[in-house]
Amino acid sequence: MFVVAVVVTRYVVPAGDQPAPPAELPEWPTSFTSFLASIPTIFFAYQCHVSAVPIYASMNDRSPSAWLTGL
């Protein structure tokens, strides 16, 4: 909960040394190295989504609220 509170606080009240957000976010990779840098994120997302089905199947209470809270 502490980490969540710090992230929300920093989002609402940015620190003085925090850089300003970029004016425009790129939609496509600007270079081949930036494309390669996104591959670990894609692999992690794929691995998590593949694991979600067996986790859901093993739950005793398969209601949406139990899935969201992890209880």
PDB file of N, CA and C in Angstrom:
ATOM      1  N   MET A   1       0.824  -1.182   0.000  1.00  0.00           N
ATOM      2  CA  MET A   1       0.000   0.000   0.000  1.00  0.00           C
ATOM      3  C   MET A   1       0.877   1.258   0.000  1.00  0.00           C
ATOM      4  N   PHE A   2       2.041   1.169   0.627  1.00  0.00           N
ATOM      5  CA  PHE A   2       2.929   2.320   0.669  1.00  0.00           C
ATOM      6  C   PHE A   2       3.380   2.724  -0.734  1.00  0.00           C
ATOM      7  N   VAL A   3       3.742   1.739  -1.535  1.00  0.00           N
ATOM      8  CA  VAL A   3       4.198   2.028  -2.899  1.00  0.00           C
ATOM      9  C   VAL A   3       3.079   2.675  -3.703  1.00  0.00           C
ATOM     10  N   VAL A   4       1.867   2.181  -3.562  1.00  0.00           N
ATOM     11  CA  VAL A   4       0.727   2.760  -4.276  1.00  0.00           C
ATOM     12  C   VAL A   4       0.513   4.204  -3.839  1.00  0.00           C
ATOM     13  N   ALA A   5       0.613   4.470  -2.532  1.00  0.00           N
ATOM     14  CA  ALA A   5       0.440   5.833  -2.033  1.00  0.00           C
ATOM     15  C   ALA A   5       1.520   6.766  -2.573  1.00  0.00           C
ATOM     16  N   VAL A   6       2.764   6.296  -2.637  1.00  0.00           N
ATOM     17  CA  VAL A   6       3.846   7.128  -3.163  1.00  0.00           C
ATOM     18  C   VAL A   6       3.635   7.421  -4.646  1.00  0.00           C
ATOM     19  N   VAL A   7       3.235   6.422  -5.417  1.00  0.00           N
ATOM     20  CA  VAL A   7       3.017   6.631  -6.853  1.00  0.00           C
ATOM     21  C   VAL A   7       1.884   7.624  -7.084  1.00  0.00           C
ATOM     22  N   VAL A   8       0.797   7.469  -6.369  1.00  0.00           N
ATOM     23  CA  VAL A   8      -0.334   8.389  -6.536  1.00  0.00           C
ATOM     24  C   VAL A   8       0.068   9.794  -6.101  1.00  0.00           C
ATOM     25  N   THR A   9       0.788   9.911  -4.992  1.00  0.00           N
ATOM     26  CA  THR A   9       1.222  11.226  -4.517  1.00  0.00           C
ATOM     27  C   THR A   9       2.154  11.889  -5.522  1.00  0.00           C
ATOM     28  N   ARG A  10       3.097  11.148  -6.063  1.00  0.00           N
ATOM     29  CA  ARG A  10       4.025  11.705  -7.048  1.00  0.00           C
ATOM     30  C   ARG A  10       3.309  12.076  -8.340  1.00  0.00           C
ATOM     31  N   TYR A  11       2.248  11.383  -8.671  1.00  0.00           N
ATOM     32  CA  TYR A  11       1.490  11.715  -9.877  1.00  0.00           C
ATOM     33  C   TYR A  11       0.732  13.030  -9.685  1.00  0.00           C
ATOM     34  N   VAL A  12       0.128  13.184  -8.512  1.00  0.00           N
ATOM     35  CA  VAL A  12      -0.676  14.376  -8.253  1.00  0.00           C
ATOM     36  C   VAL A  12       0.220  15.585  -7.963  1.00  0.00           C
ATOM     37  N   VAL A  13       1.256  15.388  -7.124  1.00  0.00           N
ATOM     38  CA  VAL A  13       2.160  16.469  -6.747  1.00  0.00           C
ATOM     39  C   VAL A  13       3.567  16.073  -7.180  1.00  0.00           C
ATOM     40  N   PRO A  14       3.989  16.428  -8.401  1.00  0.00           N
ATOM     41  CA  PRO A  14       5.308  16.014  -8.875  1.00  0.00           C
ATOM     42  C   PRO A  14       6.418  16.686  -8.073  1.00  0.00           C
ATOM     43  N   ALA A  15       7.540  15.988  -7.913  1.00  0.00           N
ATOM     44  CA  ALA A  15       8.704  16.524  -7.223  1.00  0.00           C
ATOM     45  C   ALA A  15       9.384  17.568  -8.099  1.00  0.00           C
ATOM     46  N   GLY A  16      10.188  18.425  -7.484  1.00  0.00           N
ATOM     47  CA  GLY A  16      10.873  19.475  -8.224  1.00  0.00           C
ATOM     48  C   GLY A  16      11.897  18.935  -9.201  1.00  0.00           C
ATOM     49  N   ASP A  17      12.526  17.791  -8.870  1.00  0.00           N
ATOM     50  CA  ASP A  17      13.550  17.233  -9.744  1.00  0.00           C
ATOM     51  C   ASP A  17      12.991  16.241 -10.757  1.00  0.00           C
ATOM     52  N   GLN A  18      11.688  16.063 -10.761  1.00  0.00           N
ATOM     53  CA  GLN A  18      11.061  15.121 -11.682  1.00  0.00           C
ATOM     54  C   GLN A  18      10.947  15.750 -13.067  1.00  0.00           C
ATOM     55  N   PRO A  19      11.399  15.059 -14.120  1.00  0.00           N
ATOM     56  CA  PRO A  19      11.312  15.648 -15.459  1.00  0.00           C
ATOM     57  C   PRO A  19       9.864  15.786 -15.921  1.00  0.00           C
ATOM     58  N   ALA A  20       9.641  16.753 -16.773  1.00  0.00           N
ATOM     59  CA  ALA A  20       8.301  16.974 -17.321  1.00  0.00           C
ATOM     60  C   ALA A  20       7.948  15.836 -18.277  1.00  0.00           C
ATOM     61  N   PRO A  21       6.677  15.471 -18.364  1.00  0.00           N
ATOM     62  CA  PRO A  21       6.285  14.412 -19.302  1.00  0.00           C
ATOM     63  C   PRO A  21       6.493  14.878 -20.742  1.00  0.00           C
ATOM     64  N   PRO A  22       6.732  13.952 -21.646  1.00  0.00           N
ATOM     65  CA  PRO A  22       6.948  14.357 -23.041  1.00  0.00           C
ATOM     66  C   PRO A  22       5.664  14.947 -23.640  1.00  0.00           C
ATOM     67  N   ALA A  23       5.844  15.866 -24.549  1.00  0.00           N
ATOM     68  CA  ALA A  23       4.697  16.520 -25.175  1.00  0.00           C
ATOM     69  C   ALA A  23       3.916  15.549 -26.052  1.00  0.00           C
ATOM     70  N   GLU A  24       4.637  14.653 -26.715  1.00  0.00           N
ATOM     71  CA  GLU A  24       3.984  13.692 -27.596  1.00  0.00           C
ATOM     72  C   GLU A  24       4.647  12.335 -27.430  1.00  0.00           C
ATOM     73  N   LEU A  25       3.844  11.309 -27.242  1.00  0.00           N
ATOM     74  CA  LEU A  25       4.372   9.958 -27.119  1.00  0.00           C
ATOM     75  C   LEU A  25       4.405   9.294 -28.485  1.00  0.00           C
ATOM     76  N   PRO A  26       5.508   8.645 -28.824  1.00  0.00           N
ATOM     77  CA  PRO A  26       5.587   7.992 -30.140  1.00  0.00           C
ATOM     78  C   PRO A  26       4.665   6.782 -30.207  1.00  0.00           C
ATOM     79  N   GLU A  27       4.033   6.585 -31.328  1.00  0.00           N
ATOM     80  CA  GLU A  27       3.163   5.437 -31.534  1.00  0.00           C
ATOM     81  C   GLU A  27       3.912   4.247 -32.106  1.00  0.00           C
ATOM     82  N   TRP A  28       5.003   4.503 -32.798  1.00  0.00           N
ATOM     83  CA  TRP A  28       5.800   3.448 -33.406  1.00  0.00           C
ATOM     84  C   TRP A  28       7.245   3.600 -32.955  1.00  0.00           C
ATOM     85  N   PRO A  29       8.019   2.526 -32.966  1.00  0.00           N
ATOM     86  CA  PRO A  29       9.435   2.644 -32.598  1.00  0.00           C
ATOM     87  C   PRO A  29      10.165   3.600 -33.545  1.00  0.00           C
ATOM     88  N   THR A  30      11.032   4.401 -32.959  1.00  0.00           N
ATOM     89  CA  THR A  30      11.777   5.362 -33.768  1.00  0.00           C
ATOM     90  C   THR A  30      13.079   4.769 -34.300  1.00  0.00           C
ATOM     91  N   SER A  31      13.527   3.666 -33.724  1.00  0.00           N
ATOM     92  CA  SER A  31      14.743   3.016 -34.199  1.00  0.00           C
ATOM     93  C   SER A  31      14.641   1.514 -33.926  1.00  0.00           C
ATOM     94  N   PHE A  32      15.567   0.776 -34.492  1.00  0.00           N
ATOM     95  CA  PHE A  32      15.570  -0.666 -34.292  1.00  0.00           C
ATOM     96  C   PHE A  32      15.857  -1.023 -32.838  1.00  0.00           C
ATOM     97  N   THR A  33      16.706  -0.260 -32.162  1.00  0.00           N
ATOM     98  CA  THR A  33      17.013  -0.545 -30.757  1.00  0.00           C
ATOM     99  C   THR A  33      15.805  -0.279 -29.856  1.00  0.00           C
ATOM    100  N   SER A  34      15.003   0.729 -30.175  1.00  0.00           N
ATOM    101  CA  SER A  34      13.797   0.960 -29.373  1.00  0.00           C
ATOM    102  C   SER A  34      12.784  -0.159 -29.592  1.00  0.00           C
ATOM    103  N   PHE A  35      12.775  -0.731 -30.787  1.00  0.00           N
ATOM    104  CA  PHE A  35      11.919  -1.888 -31.039  1.00  0.00           C
ATOM    105  C   PHE A  35      12.393  -3.080 -30.211  1.00  0.00           C
ATOM    106  N   LEU A  36      13.697  -3.313 -30.174  1.00  0.00           N
ATOM    107  CA  LEU A  36      14.241  -4.426 -29.391  1.00  0.00           C
ATOM    108  C   LEU A  36      13.992  -4.233 -27.895  1.00  0.00           C
ATOM    109  N   ALA A  37      13.968  -3.004 -27.436  1.00  0.00           N
ATOM    110  CA  ALA A  37      13.728  -2.729 -26.022  1.00  0.00           C
ATOM    111  C   ALA A  37      12.301  -3.077 -25.609  1.00  0.00           C
ATOM    112  N   SER A  38      11.364  -3.137 -26.550  1.00  0.00           N
ATOM    113  CA  SER A  38       9.974  -3.452 -26.210  1.00  0.00           C
ATOM    114  C   SER A  38       9.705  -4.958 -26.157  1.00  0.00           C
ATOM    115  N   ILE A  39      10.611  -5.762 -26.651  1.00  0.00           N
ATOM    116  CA  ILE A  39      10.383  -7.211 -26.709  1.00  0.00           C
ATOM    117  C   ILE A  39      10.201  -7.839 -25.322  1.00  0.00           C
ATOM    118  N   PRO A  40      10.995  -7.503 -24.292  1.00  0.00           N
ATOM    119  CA  PRO A  40      10.747  -8.099 -22.971  1.00  0.00           C
ATOM    120  C   PRO A  40       9.346  -7.813 -22.430  1.00  0.00           C
ATOM    121  N   THR A  41       8.824  -6.622 -22.683  1.00  0.00           N
ATOM    122  CA  THR A  41       7.468  -6.293 -22.227  1.00  0.00           C
ATOM    123  C   THR A  41       6.433  -7.153 -22.938  1.00  0.00           C
ATOM    124  N   ILE A  42       6.611  -7.371 -24.218  1.00  0.00           N
ATOM    125  CA  ILE A  42       5.683  -8.203 -24.985  1.00  0.00           C
ATOM    126  C   ILE A  42       5.735  -9.647 -24.482  1.00  0.00           C
ATOM    127  N   PHE A  43       6.934 -10.165 -24.249  1.00  0.00           N
ATOM    128  CA  PHE A  43       7.071 -11.535 -23.729  1.00  0.00           C
ATOM    129  C   PHE A  43       6.446 -11.672 -22.348  1.00  0.00           C
ATOM    130  N   PHE A  44       6.644 -10.676 -21.475  1.00  0.00           N
ATOM    131  CA  PHE A  44       6.067 -10.730 -20.128  1.00  0.00           C
ATOM    132  C   PHE A  44       4.542 -10.724 -20.198  1.00  0.00           C
ATOM    133  N   ALA A  45       3.970  -9.883 -21.054  1.00  0.00           N
ATOM    134  CA  ALA A  45       2.516  -9.822 -21.187  1.00  0.00           C
ATOM    135  C   ALA A  45       1.959 -11.145 -21.709  1.00  0.00           C
ATOM    136  N   TYR A  46       2.648 -11.745 -22.677  1.00  0.00           N
ATOM    137  CA  TYR A  46       2.196 -13.026 -23.205  1.00  0.00           C
ATOM    138  C   TYR A  46       2.259 -14.106 -22.131  1.00  0.00           C
ATOM    139  N   GLN A  47       3.337 -14.141 -21.362  1.00  0.00           N
ATOM    140  CA  GLN A  47       3.484 -15.145 -20.316  1.00  0.00           C
ATOM    141  C   GLN A  47       2.403 -14.990 -19.254  1.00  0.00           C
ATOM    142  N   CYS A  48       2.080 -13.762 -18.875  1.00  0.00           N
ATOM    143  CA  CYS A  48       1.043 -13.536 -17.863  1.00  0.00           C
ATOM    144  C   CYS A  48      -0.331 -13.930 -18.377  1.00  0.00           C
ATOM    145  N   HIS A  49      -0.631 -13.618 -19.629  1.00  0.00           N
ATOM    146  CA  HIS A  49      -1.965 -13.923 -20.126  1.00  0.00           C
ATOM    147  C   HIS A  49      -2.141 -15.426 -20.315  1.00  0.00           C
ATOM    148  N   VAL A  50      -1.078 -16.165 -20.619  1.00  0.00           N
ATOM    149  CA  VAL A  50      -1.168 -17.618 -20.733  1.00  0.00           C
ATOM    150  C   VAL A  50      -1.411 -18.240 -19.366  1.00  0.00           C
ATOM    151  N   SER A  51      -0.836 -17.669 -18.318  1.00  0.00           N
ATOM    152  CA  SER A  51      -1.012 -18.196 -16.956  1.00  0.00           C
ATOM    153  C   SER A  51      -2.383 -17.882 -16.378  1.00  0.00           C
ATOM    154  N   ALA A  52      -3.080 -16.906 -16.913  1.00  0.00           N
ATOM    155  CA  ALA A  52      -4.352 -16.485 -16.335  1.00  0.00           C
ATOM    156  C   ALA A  52      -5.430 -17.564 -16.443  1.00  0.00           C
ATOM    157  N   VAL A  53      -5.455 -18.312 -17.516  1.00  0.00           N
ATOM    158  CA  VAL A  53      -6.501 -19.326 -17.702  1.00  0.00           C
ATOM    159  C   VAL A  53      -6.390 -20.454 -16.666  1.00  0.00           C
ATOM    160  N   PRO A  54      -5.222 -21.065 -16.438  1.00  0.00           N
ATOM    161  CA  PRO A  54      -5.149 -22.096 -15.406  1.00  0.00           C
ATOM    162  C   PRO A  54      -5.396 -21.562 -13.995  1.00  0.00           C
ATOM    163  N   ILE A  55      -4.990 -20.326 -13.733  1.00  0.00           N
ATOM    164  CA  ILE A  55      -5.251 -19.748 -12.410  1.00  0.00           C
ATOM    165  C   ILE A  55      -6.748 -19.587 -12.212  1.00  0.00           C
ATOM    166  N   TYR A  56      -7.448 -19.076 -13.214  1.00  0.00           N
ATOM    167  CA  TYR A  56      -8.898 -18.909 -13.113  1.00  0.00           C
ATOM    168  C   TYR A  56      -9.588 -20.269 -12.956  1.00  0.00           C
ATOM    169  N   ALA A  57      -9.115 -21.269 -13.683  1.00  0.00           N
ATOM    170  CA  ALA A  57      -9.734 -22.593 -13.610  1.00  0.00           C
ATOM    171  C   ALA A  57      -9.537 -23.239 -12.242  1.00  0.00           C
ATOM    172  N   SER A  58      -8.469 -22.886 -11.534  1.00  0.00           N
ATOM    173  CA  SER A  58      -8.211 -23.505 -10.235  1.00  0.00           C
ATOM    174  C   SER A  58      -8.884 -22.770  -9.080  1.00  0.00           C
ATOM    175  N   MET A  59      -9.543 -21.664  -9.356  1.00  0.00           N
ATOM    176  CA  MET A  59     -10.197 -20.898  -8.285  1.00  0.00           C
ATOM    177  C   MET A  59     -11.488 -21.586  -7.839  1.00  0.00           C
ATOM    178  N   ASN A  60     -11.722 -21.579  -6.536  1.00  0.00           N
ATOM    179  CA  ASN A  60     -12.972 -22.130  -6.007  1.00  0.00           C
ATOM    180  C   ASN A  60     -14.144 -21.194  -6.306  1.00  0.00           C
ATOM    181  N   ASP A  61     -13.950 -19.904  -6.081  1.00  0.00           N
ATOM    182  CA  ASP A  61     -14.979 -18.898  -6.338  1.00  0.00           C
ATOM    183  C   ASP A  61     -14.591 -18.171  -7.621  1.00  0.00           C
ATOM    184  N   ARG A  62     -15.305 -18.429  -8.706  1.00  0.00           N
ATOM    185  CA  ARG A  62     -14.959 -17.845 -10.004  1.00  0.00           C
ATOM    186  C   ARG A  62     -15.755 -16.589 -10.325  1.00  0.00           C
ATOM    187  N   SER A  63     -16.177 -15.873  -9.306  1.00  0.00           N
ATOM    188  CA  SER A  63     -16.908 -14.625  -9.545  1.00  0.00           C
ATOM    189  C   SER A  63     -15.932 -13.535  -9.975  1.00  0.00           C
ATOM    190  N   PRO A  64     -16.435 -12.528 -10.691  1.00  0.00           N
ATOM    191  CA  PRO A  64     -15.547 -11.434 -11.114  1.00  0.00           C
ATOM    192  C   PRO A  64     -14.877 -10.708  -9.953  1.00  0.00           C
ATOM    193  N   SER A  65     -15.607 -10.544  -8.835  1.00  0.00           N
ATOM    194  CA  SER A  65     -14.997  -9.852  -7.704  1.00  0.00           C
ATOM    195  C   SER A  65     -13.848 -10.664  -7.113  1.00  0.00           C
ATOM    196  N   ALA A  66     -13.963 -11.982  -7.057  1.00  0.00           N
ATOM    197  CA  ALA A  66     -12.875 -12.803  -6.546  1.00  0.00           C
ATOM    198  C   ALA A  66     -11.692 -12.797  -7.509  1.00  0.00           C
ATOM    199  N   TRP A  67     -11.944 -12.730  -8.789  1.00  0.00           N
ATOM    200  CA  TRP A  67     -10.858 -12.690  -9.782  1.00  0.00           C
ATOM    201  C   TRP A  67     -10.084 -11.377  -9.671  1.00  0.00           C
ATOM    202  N   LEU A  68     -10.792 -10.266  -9.465  1.00  0.00           N
ATOM    203  CA  LEU A  68     -10.141  -8.969  -9.379  1.00  0.00           C
ATOM    204  C   LEU A  68      -9.382  -8.784  -8.072  1.00  0.00           C
ATOM    205  N   THR A  69      -9.899  -9.328  -6.985  1.00  0.00           N
ATOM    206  CA  THR A  69      -9.246  -9.131  -5.688  1.00  0.00           C
ATOM    207  C   THR A  69      -8.226 -10.221  -5.400  1.00  0.00           C
ATOM    208  N   GLY A  70      -8.301 -11.347  -6.057  1.00  0.00           N
ATOM    209  CA  GLY A  70      -7.347 -12.424  -5.835  1.00  0.00           C
ATOM    210  C   GLY A  70      -7.625 -13.226  -4.594  1.00  0.00           C
ATOM    211  N   LEU A  71      -8.838 -13.160  -4.087  1.00  0.00           N
ATOM    212  CA  LEU A  71      -9.182 -13.909  -2.868  1.00  0.00           C
ATOM    213  C   LEU A  71      -9.609 -15.316  -3.177  1.00  0.00           C
TER     214      LEU A  71
END
